[in-house]
N, C-alpha and C. Protein backbone atom coordinates (compact mmCIF):
# COMPACT_ATOMS: atom_id res chain seq x y z
N MET A 1 17.83 42.26 -32.62
CA MET A 1 18.18 41.07 -31.88
C MET A 1 18.68 40.00 -32.69
N LYS A 2 19.47 39.14 -32.48
CA LYS A 2 20.24 38.15 -33.06
C LYS A 2 19.50 37.06 -32.72
N THR A 3 19.23 35.98 -33.64
CA THR A 3 18.80 34.80 -33.16
C THR A 3 19.71 33.60 -32.90
N ARG A 4 19.32 32.95 -32.03
CA ARG A 4 20.02 31.86 -31.42
C ARG A 4 19.61 30.49 -32.35
N ILE A 5 20.63 29.98 -33.17
CA ILE A 5 20.03 28.55 -33.63
C ILE A 5 20.94 27.67 -33.17
N LYS A 6 20.39 26.49 -32.84
CA LYS A 6 21.15 25.40 -32.41
C LYS A 6 20.96 24.46 -33.64
N PRO A 7 22.09 23.72 -34.07
CA PRO A 7 22.53 23.07 -34.95
C PRO A 7 21.97 21.60 -34.62
N TYR A 8 20.55 21.37 -34.75
CA TYR A 8 20.15 20.17 -34.46
C TYR A 8 19.62 19.21 -35.87
N ALA A 9 19.49 17.95 -35.80
CA ALA A 9 18.99 17.31 -36.97
C ALA A 9 17.41 17.37 -36.68
N LEU A 10 16.79 16.67 -37.57
CA LEU A 10 15.33 16.69 -37.39
C LEU A 10 14.63 16.10 -36.17
N PRO A 11 13.48 16.23 -35.77
CA PRO A 11 13.02 15.84 -34.48
C PRO A 11 12.81 14.31 -34.78
N ARG A 12 12.75 13.64 -33.56
CA ARG A 12 12.60 12.11 -33.55
C ARG A 12 11.10 11.74 -33.90
N GLU A 13 10.20 12.76 -33.54
CA GLU A 13 8.78 12.63 -33.95
C GLU A 13 8.19 14.11 -33.88
N PRO A 14 6.97 14.30 -34.68
CA PRO A 14 6.61 15.55 -34.78
C PRO A 14 6.23 16.27 -33.30
N ALA A 15 6.41 17.81 -33.42
CA ALA A 15 6.40 18.44 -32.13
C ALA A 15 4.64 18.52 -32.13
N LYS A 16 4.42 18.46 -31.10
CA LYS A 16 2.84 18.73 -30.62
C LYS A 16 2.51 20.44 -30.82
N SER A 17 1.05 20.42 -30.63
CA SER A 17 0.83 21.75 -30.79
C SER A 17 1.81 22.99 -29.89
N LEU A 18 2.22 23.96 -30.42
CA LEU A 18 3.09 24.80 -29.60
C LEU A 18 2.48 26.11 -29.36
N PRO A 19 2.53 26.76 -27.96
CA PRO A 19 2.03 27.99 -27.62
C PRO A 19 2.68 28.92 -28.58
N VAL A 20 1.81 30.02 -28.86
CA VAL A 20 2.33 31.29 -29.62
C VAL A 20 3.10 32.17 -28.78
N PRO A 21 4.43 32.38 -28.94
CA PRO A 21 5.43 33.16 -28.12
C PRO A 21 4.96 34.54 -27.97
N ALA A 22 5.11 35.15 -26.85
CA ALA A 22 5.03 36.73 -26.78
C ALA A 22 6.19 37.32 -27.60
N SER A 23 5.93 38.65 -27.82
CA SER A 23 6.95 39.39 -28.39
C SER A 23 8.24 39.55 -27.83
N ALA A 24 9.47 39.72 -28.40
CA ALA A 24 10.60 40.10 -27.45
C ALA A 24 10.60 41.11 -26.60
N GLU A 25 9.96 42.11 -26.95
CA GLU A 25 9.62 43.36 -26.14
C GLU A 25 9.05 42.85 -24.75
N SER A 26 8.37 42.03 -24.81
CA SER A 26 7.74 41.54 -23.29
C SER A 26 8.56 40.87 -22.55
N VAL A 27 9.86 40.35 -22.79
CA VAL A 27 10.41 39.63 -22.01
C VAL A 27 10.84 40.14 -20.75
N LEU A 28 10.91 39.48 -19.68
CA LEU A 28 11.06 39.83 -18.31
C LEU A 28 12.67 40.60 -18.14
N ARG A 29 12.69 41.87 -17.99
CA ARG A 29 14.08 42.62 -17.72
C ARG A 29 14.78 42.33 -16.29
N VAL A 30 15.80 42.54 -16.36
CA VAL A 30 16.53 42.41 -14.82
C VAL A 30 15.92 43.62 -14.17
N GLY A 31 15.88 44.84 -14.41
CA GLY A 31 15.48 45.95 -14.09
C GLY A 31 14.18 45.63 -13.35
N GLN A 32 13.32 45.00 -14.13
CA GLN A 32 11.86 44.75 -13.44
C GLN A 32 12.05 43.72 -12.22
N LEU A 33 12.85 42.89 -12.19
CA LEU A 33 13.10 41.89 -11.31
C LEU A 33 13.93 42.52 -10.04
N GLY A 34 14.73 43.47 -10.51
CA GLY A 34 15.97 43.85 -9.50
C GLY A 34 16.96 43.17 -9.47
N PHE A 35 18.27 43.52 -8.72
CA PHE A 35 19.48 42.95 -9.00
C PHE A 35 19.68 42.05 -7.64
N ALA A 36 19.00 42.32 -6.76
CA ALA A 36 19.35 41.57 -5.60
C ALA A 36 19.31 40.10 -5.58
N ALA A 37 18.26 39.47 -6.15
CA ALA A 37 17.81 38.23 -6.24
C ALA A 37 18.89 37.43 -7.13
N PRO A 38 18.79 38.08 -8.41
CA PRO A 38 20.14 37.38 -9.23
C PRO A 38 21.22 37.38 -8.64
N GLU A 39 21.75 38.72 -8.22
CA GLU A 39 23.04 38.60 -7.34
C GLU A 39 23.21 37.74 -6.25
N ALA A 40 22.55 37.17 -5.38
CA ALA A 40 22.52 36.39 -4.25
C ALA A 40 22.48 34.94 -5.01
N LEU A 41 21.54 34.83 -6.22
CA LEU A 41 21.78 33.63 -6.82
C LEU A 41 23.15 33.22 -7.23
N LEU A 42 23.80 34.13 -8.01
CA LEU A 42 25.23 33.98 -8.70
C LEU A 42 26.07 33.81 -7.63
N ALA A 43 26.04 34.60 -6.37
CA ALA A 43 26.85 34.30 -5.28
C ALA A 43 26.90 33.05 -4.77
N SER A 44 25.86 32.48 -4.71
CA SER A 44 25.78 30.92 -4.08
C SER A 44 26.52 30.06 -4.94
N PHE A 45 26.78 30.37 -5.98
CA PHE A 45 27.76 29.63 -6.92
C PHE A 45 29.25 30.13 -7.15
N GLY A 46 29.67 31.42 -6.26
CA GLY A 46 30.91 31.75 -6.88
C GLY A 46 30.84 32.65 -7.70
N LEU A 47 29.92 33.24 -8.40
CA LEU A 47 29.92 34.14 -9.48
C LEU A 47 29.47 35.48 -9.06
N ALA A 48 29.86 36.54 -9.38
CA ALA A 48 29.55 37.98 -9.39
C ALA A 48 28.70 38.84 -10.23
N LEU A 49 27.68 39.30 -9.91
CA LEU A 49 26.85 40.27 -10.90
C LEU A 49 27.13 41.58 -10.73
N HIS A 50 27.65 42.10 -12.02
CA HIS A 50 28.05 43.58 -12.13
C HIS A 50 26.99 44.28 -12.69
N ARG A 51 26.42 45.40 -12.03
CA ARG A 51 25.51 46.20 -12.82
C ARG A 51 26.17 47.45 -13.60
N VAL A 52 25.70 47.34 -14.96
CA VAL A 52 26.42 48.09 -15.95
C VAL A 52 25.35 49.47 -15.93
N ALA A 53 25.74 50.55 -15.95
CA ALA A 53 24.75 51.83 -16.19
C ALA A 53 24.01 51.71 -17.50
N SER A 54 23.06 52.42 -17.47
CA SER A 54 22.18 52.50 -18.49
C SER A 54 22.76 53.31 -19.81
N GLY A 55 22.70 52.54 -20.70
CA GLY A 55 23.28 52.94 -22.28
C GLY A 55 24.60 52.86 -22.44
N GLU A 56 25.29 52.26 -21.35
CA GLU A 56 26.63 51.73 -21.60
C GLU A 56 26.83 50.71 -22.07
N PRO A 57 27.94 50.22 -22.77
CA PRO A 57 27.80 49.05 -23.48
C PRO A 57 28.30 48.03 -22.35
N ILE A 58 27.83 46.93 -22.58
CA ILE A 58 28.12 45.48 -21.55
C ILE A 58 29.27 44.67 -21.81
N PRO A 59 30.14 45.05 -21.04
CA PRO A 59 31.60 44.14 -21.19
C PRO A 59 30.99 42.65 -21.38
N GLY A 60 31.92 42.14 -22.26
CA GLY A 60 31.99 40.79 -22.23
C GLY A 60 30.69 40.29 -23.06
N SER A 61 29.76 41.33 -23.78
CA SER A 61 28.37 40.59 -24.34
C SER A 61 28.93 40.02 -25.64
N PHE A 62 28.69 38.70 -25.66
CA PHE A 62 28.70 38.04 -26.95
C PHE A 62 27.74 38.76 -27.94
N TRP A 63 26.49 38.87 -27.91
CA TRP A 63 25.51 39.37 -28.64
C TRP A 63 25.27 40.75 -28.87
N GLY A 64 26.08 41.56 -27.87
CA GLY A 64 25.86 42.90 -28.00
C GLY A 64 24.44 43.70 -27.62
N ASP A 65 24.22 44.82 -27.81
CA ASP A 65 23.02 45.31 -27.27
C ASP A 65 22.60 45.22 -25.98
N ASP A 66 21.75 44.66 -25.30
CA ASP A 66 21.14 44.58 -23.91
C ASP A 66 21.50 43.26 -23.49
N GLU A 67 22.13 42.47 -24.27
CA GLU A 67 22.45 41.04 -23.79
C GLU A 67 23.67 40.82 -22.81
N ALA A 68 23.57 40.03 -21.60
CA ALA A 68 24.62 40.01 -20.63
C ALA A 68 25.87 39.54 -21.18
N GLY A 69 26.79 39.92 -20.45
CA GLY A 69 28.43 39.73 -20.86
C GLY A 69 29.10 38.90 -19.53
N ILE A 70 29.84 38.45 -19.97
CA ILE A 70 30.65 37.54 -19.16
C ILE A 70 32.33 37.73 -19.50
N ILE A 71 32.86 38.04 -18.07
CA ILE A 71 34.42 38.10 -18.16
C ILE A 71 34.96 37.55 -16.78
N GLY A 72 35.53 36.34 -16.90
CA GLY A 72 36.09 35.72 -15.58
C GLY A 72 34.87 35.01 -14.90
N THR A 73 34.71 35.42 -13.64
CA THR A 73 33.82 34.90 -13.06
C THR A 73 32.49 35.96 -12.68
N THR A 74 32.48 37.03 -13.58
CA THR A 74 31.48 38.21 -13.33
C THR A 74 30.58 38.19 -14.66
N VAL A 75 29.20 38.02 -14.14
CA VAL A 75 28.37 38.47 -15.29
C VAL A 75 27.81 39.87 -15.28
N TYR A 76 27.75 40.50 -16.36
CA TYR A 76 27.52 41.84 -16.48
C TYR A 76 26.25 42.18 -17.19
N ALA A 77 25.47 43.02 -16.59
CA ALA A 77 24.05 43.24 -17.05
C ALA A 77 23.37 44.77 -16.68
N ARG A 78 22.71 45.10 -17.80
CA ARG A 78 21.97 46.53 -17.23
C ARG A 78 20.62 46.30 -16.89
N ASP A 79 19.92 47.30 -16.55
CA ASP A 79 18.54 46.91 -16.16
C ASP A 79 17.57 46.43 -17.36
N ASP A 80 18.01 46.69 -18.47
CA ASP A 80 17.05 46.37 -19.69
C ASP A 80 17.58 45.06 -20.25
N THR A 81 18.62 44.27 -19.61
CA THR A 81 18.99 43.07 -19.78
C THR A 81 18.01 42.09 -19.43
N PRO A 82 17.58 40.91 -20.51
CA PRO A 82 16.55 40.06 -20.58
C PRO A 82 17.25 39.12 -19.25
N VAL A 83 16.29 38.86 -18.37
CA VAL A 83 16.76 37.97 -17.47
C VAL A 83 17.29 36.50 -18.08
N HIS A 84 16.61 36.05 -19.04
CA HIS A 84 17.03 34.72 -19.58
C HIS A 84 18.61 34.87 -20.10
N SER A 85 18.78 36.14 -20.47
CA SER A 85 20.28 36.21 -20.91
C SER A 85 21.19 36.29 -19.49
N LEU A 86 20.81 37.03 -18.59
CA LEU A 86 21.80 36.84 -17.69
C LEU A 86 21.89 35.48 -17.16
N LEU A 87 20.75 34.79 -16.87
CA LEU A 87 20.99 33.21 -16.28
C LEU A 87 21.80 32.49 -17.45
N HIS A 88 21.31 32.67 -18.78
CA HIS A 88 22.09 32.02 -19.88
C HIS A 88 23.95 32.36 -19.73
N GLU A 89 24.12 33.33 -19.54
CA GLU A 89 25.65 33.64 -19.35
C GLU A 89 26.15 33.21 -18.09
N ALA A 90 25.40 33.11 -16.92
CA ALA A 90 25.78 32.51 -15.88
C ALA A 90 25.87 31.14 -16.00
N GLY A 91 25.04 30.43 -16.70
CA GLY A 91 25.09 29.01 -17.00
C GLY A 91 26.15 28.43 -17.56
N HIS A 92 26.77 29.47 -18.63
CA HIS A 92 28.09 29.25 -19.47
C HIS A 92 29.35 29.00 -18.45
N LEU A 93 29.24 29.75 -17.27
CA LEU A 93 30.42 30.00 -16.47
C LEU A 93 30.28 28.67 -15.66
N LEU A 94 28.80 28.33 -15.23
CA LEU A 94 28.83 27.35 -14.11
C LEU A 94 29.26 25.98 -15.17
N VAL A 95 29.02 25.82 -16.00
CA VAL A 95 29.20 24.42 -16.67
C VAL A 95 30.63 24.04 -17.04
N LEU A 96 31.39 25.22 -17.00
CA LEU A 96 32.60 25.09 -17.15
C LEU A 96 33.50 24.66 -15.85
N PRO A 97 34.45 23.97 -15.88
CA PRO A 97 35.14 23.62 -14.53
C PRO A 97 35.77 24.94 -13.93
N PRO A 98 35.64 24.99 -12.71
CA PRO A 98 36.10 26.32 -12.14
C PRO A 98 37.69 26.91 -12.39
N GLU A 99 38.17 25.99 -12.69
CA GLU A 99 39.70 26.42 -12.93
C GLU A 99 39.76 27.06 -14.20
N LYS A 100 38.49 26.83 -15.37
CA LYS A 100 38.80 27.63 -16.68
C LYS A 100 37.76 28.83 -16.65
N ARG A 101 37.14 29.37 -15.66
CA ARG A 101 36.25 30.31 -15.50
C ARG A 101 37.12 31.59 -15.70
N ALA A 102 38.16 31.67 -15.23
CA ALA A 102 38.76 32.89 -14.86
C ALA A 102 39.16 33.49 -16.17
N ALA A 103 39.64 32.51 -17.22
CA ALA A 103 39.94 32.84 -18.29
C ALA A 103 38.86 33.33 -19.61
N VAL A 104 37.70 33.11 -19.13
CA VAL A 104 36.57 33.40 -20.12
C VAL A 104 36.35 34.95 -20.34
N HIS A 105 36.28 35.22 -21.47
CA HIS A 105 36.01 36.70 -21.90
C HIS A 105 35.17 36.65 -23.26
N THR A 106 33.71 36.92 -22.79
CA THR A 106 32.82 36.80 -23.85
C THR A 106 32.27 35.59 -24.45
N ASP A 107 33.16 34.92 -24.97
CA ASP A 107 32.64 33.82 -25.61
C ASP A 107 33.14 32.37 -24.71
N ALA A 108 32.36 31.74 -24.19
CA ALA A 108 32.35 30.73 -23.07
C ALA A 108 32.81 29.30 -23.66
N THR A 109 32.22 29.23 -24.85
CA THR A 109 32.40 27.50 -25.40
C THR A 109 32.00 27.76 -26.90
N ASP A 110 32.54 26.62 -27.34
CA ASP A 110 32.14 26.15 -28.97
C ASP A 110 31.30 24.75 -29.03
N SER A 111 31.23 24.13 -27.58
CA SER A 111 30.83 22.99 -27.46
C SER A 111 29.20 22.98 -27.27
N ILE A 112 28.76 22.11 -28.37
CA ILE A 112 27.23 21.73 -28.32
C ILE A 112 26.71 21.40 -26.96
N GLU A 113 27.47 20.26 -26.79
CA GLU A 113 27.00 19.78 -25.17
C GLU A 113 27.13 20.75 -24.16
N GLU A 114 27.72 21.64 -24.03
CA GLU A 114 27.93 22.76 -23.21
C GLU A 114 26.76 23.64 -23.20
N GLU A 115 26.60 24.18 -24.48
CA GLU A 115 25.20 25.15 -24.87
C GLU A 115 24.12 24.40 -24.44
N ASP A 116 24.14 23.26 -24.82
CA ASP A 116 22.61 22.70 -24.53
C ASP A 116 22.50 22.55 -22.88
N ALA A 117 23.57 22.04 -22.26
CA ALA A 117 23.57 22.30 -20.65
C ALA A 117 23.48 23.70 -20.10
N THR A 118 24.05 24.60 -20.67
CA THR A 118 23.55 26.06 -20.21
C THR A 118 22.15 26.41 -20.48
N CYS A 119 21.57 26.13 -21.47
CA CYS A 119 20.32 26.24 -21.78
C CYS A 119 19.48 25.63 -20.79
N TYR A 120 19.49 24.26 -20.52
CA TYR A 120 18.84 23.40 -19.47
C TYR A 120 19.20 24.16 -18.21
N LEU A 121 20.06 24.52 -17.68
CA LEU A 121 20.54 25.26 -16.43
C LEU A 121 20.00 26.57 -16.29
N GLN A 122 19.83 27.54 -17.62
CA GLN A 122 19.05 28.91 -17.18
C GLN A 122 17.84 28.32 -16.85
N ILE A 123 17.07 27.42 -17.26
CA ILE A 123 15.95 27.24 -17.11
C ILE A 123 15.37 26.69 -15.43
N VAL A 124 16.22 25.79 -14.93
CA VAL A 124 16.32 25.40 -13.69
C VAL A 124 16.74 26.44 -12.61
N LEU A 125 17.45 27.24 -13.02
CA LEU A 125 17.80 28.60 -12.21
C LEU A 125 16.84 29.49 -12.03
N SER A 126 15.88 29.59 -13.04
CA SER A 126 14.87 30.61 -13.16
C SER A 126 13.97 30.34 -11.99
N ASP A 127 13.72 28.84 -11.46
CA ASP A 127 13.06 28.47 -10.55
C ASP A 127 13.30 29.29 -9.04
N ARG A 128 14.95 29.59 -9.28
CA ARG A 128 15.45 30.10 -7.78
C ARG A 128 15.14 31.52 -7.67
N LEU A 129 14.39 32.40 -8.82
CA LEU A 129 14.29 33.86 -8.66
C LEU A 129 12.82 34.14 -8.38
N PRO A 130 12.62 34.65 -7.26
CA PRO A 130 11.18 35.18 -7.34
C PRO A 130 10.67 36.14 -8.43
N GLY A 131 9.29 35.41 -8.76
CA GLY A 131 8.74 36.01 -9.95
C GLY A 131 8.89 35.73 -11.44
N VAL A 132 10.09 34.44 -11.26
CA VAL A 132 10.61 34.23 -12.50
C VAL A 132 10.03 32.66 -13.05
N GLY A 133 10.68 31.88 -12.53
CA GLY A 133 10.40 30.27 -12.57
C GLY A 133 10.38 29.69 -14.23
N ARG A 134 10.37 28.74 -14.27
CA ARG A 134 10.53 27.94 -15.74
C ARG A 134 9.50 28.52 -16.61
N ASP A 135 8.32 28.49 -16.40
CA ASP A 135 7.30 28.63 -17.32
C ASP A 135 7.31 30.09 -18.12
N ARG A 136 7.70 31.10 -17.46
CA ARG A 136 8.00 32.43 -17.62
C ARG A 136 9.30 32.44 -18.61
N LEU A 137 10.41 31.72 -18.10
CA LEU A 137 11.72 32.07 -18.72
C LEU A 137 11.49 31.11 -20.04
N MET A 138 11.22 30.11 -20.21
CA MET A 138 10.79 29.19 -21.37
C MET A 138 10.09 30.09 -22.58
N ALA A 139 9.05 30.95 -21.90
CA ALA A 139 8.20 31.59 -22.74
C ALA A 139 9.00 32.80 -23.36
N ASP A 140 9.91 33.35 -22.30
CA ASP A 140 10.85 34.48 -22.81
C ASP A 140 11.86 34.08 -23.82
N MET A 141 12.33 32.89 -23.60
CA MET A 141 13.19 32.25 -24.46
C MET A 141 12.88 32.32 -25.96
N ASP A 142 11.58 31.65 -25.94
CA ASP A 142 10.66 31.63 -27.44
C ASP A 142 10.55 32.73 -27.94
N ALA A 143 10.20 33.70 -27.05
CA ALA A 143 9.93 35.31 -27.73
C ALA A 143 11.16 35.64 -28.17
N TRP A 144 12.22 35.48 -27.42
CA TRP A 144 13.44 36.26 -28.07
C TRP A 144 14.02 35.49 -29.21
N GLY A 145 13.93 34.20 -29.51
CA GLY A 145 14.18 33.64 -30.59
C GLY A 145 14.89 32.51 -30.57
N TYR A 146 14.92 31.89 -29.44
CA TYR A 146 15.91 30.65 -29.12
C TYR A 146 15.31 29.63 -29.95
N SER A 147 16.04 28.85 -30.85
CA SER A 147 15.68 28.07 -31.73
C SER A 147 15.85 26.52 -31.44
N PHE A 148 14.92 25.49 -31.21
CA PHE A 148 15.34 24.06 -30.74
C PHE A 148 14.47 23.21 -31.78
N ARG A 149 15.15 22.06 -32.07
CA ARG A 149 14.40 21.20 -33.29
C ARG A 149 13.11 20.59 -32.91
N LEU A 150 12.68 20.54 -31.82
CA LEU A 150 11.24 20.46 -31.43
C LEU A 150 10.13 21.61 -31.57
N GLY A 151 10.94 22.94 -31.81
CA GLY A 151 9.99 24.14 -32.13
C GLY A 151 9.73 25.12 -31.04
N SER A 152 9.96 24.34 -29.83
CA SER A 152 9.63 25.34 -28.51
C SER A 152 10.77 24.87 -27.40
N THR A 153 10.96 25.87 -26.66
CA THR A 153 11.94 25.59 -25.67
C THR A 153 11.28 24.43 -24.76
N ARG A 154 10.07 24.69 -24.40
CA ARG A 154 9.41 23.60 -23.41
C ARG A 154 9.65 22.18 -23.98
N ALA A 155 9.12 22.29 -25.53
CA ALA A 155 9.29 20.84 -26.00
C ALA A 155 10.71 20.37 -25.96
N TRP A 156 11.46 21.21 -26.12
CA TRP A 156 12.85 20.45 -25.86
C TRP A 156 13.31 20.44 -24.62
N PHE A 157 12.83 20.85 -23.54
CA PHE A 157 13.24 20.71 -22.01
C PHE A 157 12.58 19.65 -21.54
N GLU A 158 11.28 19.35 -21.92
CA GLU A 158 10.68 18.25 -21.57
C GLU A 158 10.81 17.04 -22.21
N GLN A 159 11.18 16.92 -23.70
CA GLN A 159 11.31 15.67 -24.35
C GLN A 159 12.61 15.45 -25.09
N ASP A 160 13.37 16.31 -25.02
CA ASP A 160 14.96 16.11 -25.95
C ASP A 160 16.14 16.82 -25.09
N ALA A 161 15.81 16.99 -23.75
CA ALA A 161 17.34 17.35 -23.11
C ALA A 161 17.77 16.35 -22.25
N GLY A 162 17.65 15.17 -22.49
CA GLY A 162 18.28 13.98 -21.20
C GLY A 162 19.47 14.41 -21.34
N ASP A 163 20.40 14.80 -22.52
CA ASP A 163 21.79 15.04 -22.41
C ASP A 163 22.12 15.94 -21.64
N ALA A 164 21.46 16.95 -21.87
CA ALA A 164 21.82 18.34 -21.12
C ALA A 164 21.75 18.17 -19.55
N HIS A 165 20.62 17.31 -19.13
CA HIS A 165 20.49 16.94 -17.78
C HIS A 165 21.31 16.11 -17.33
N ASP A 166 21.68 15.15 -18.06
CA ASP A 166 23.08 14.22 -17.55
C ASP A 166 24.18 14.90 -17.42
N PHE A 167 24.51 15.91 -18.35
CA PHE A 167 25.92 16.64 -18.26
C PHE A 167 25.96 17.52 -17.08
N LEU A 168 24.63 17.93 -16.68
CA LEU A 168 24.57 18.82 -15.38
C LEU A 168 24.70 18.06 -14.08
N ALA A 169 24.02 16.83 -14.13
CA ALA A 169 24.12 15.75 -12.93
C ALA A 169 25.27 15.30 -12.73
N ALA A 170 26.11 15.00 -13.94
CA ALA A 170 27.49 14.41 -13.50
C ALA A 170 28.51 15.54 -12.92
N ARG A 171 28.23 16.65 -13.18
CA ARG A 171 28.84 17.62 -12.70
C ARG A 171 28.49 18.36 -10.99
N ASN A 172 27.33 17.67 -10.77
CA ASN A 172 26.62 18.12 -9.77
C ASN A 172 26.27 19.24 -9.62
N LEU A 173 25.46 20.10 -10.86
CA LEU A 173 24.83 21.08 -11.10
C LEU A 173 23.36 20.99 -10.79
N PRO A 174 22.64 21.72 -10.60
CA PRO A 174 21.10 22.14 -10.49
C PRO A 174 20.64 21.32 -11.69
N CYS A 175 19.98 20.32 -11.77
CA CYS A 175 18.92 19.83 -12.75
C CYS A 175 17.60 19.42 -12.26
């Protein structure tokens, strides 16, 4: 497992007591959820979801292993792909202007602003998947190793993600 590290400055104020995250092995996987709901969600935004056979490499995966991949307007995932990874990669495509999506292959952006918006969007989109929701997704993000300057995904989302919210709102994306 590779750790995502966000290059933030020190927190504005000390983080409050944070919950202990579950292990990375306990995160919700697409196979547990099923492909129908994520496929319908992505389709509502003009994206496709391609199911990759078990054990096959995931095309367009930046992180490799079981992490989702993106090529053009398609998100690639296997049954063992974490739901947070699928939503994160879909979020990368959604924060891009539609005319730039077709050129994406594996790495969507080097922009911290777009990365923050993607993290925020994946949390918001999780509420549209039955049996997922933001509480579960944020716990899974923490367990997987997402790193935020306030110490947890929830603290960042609730206290420090105003710029990400505004980025999405300015583009009429869910926030």
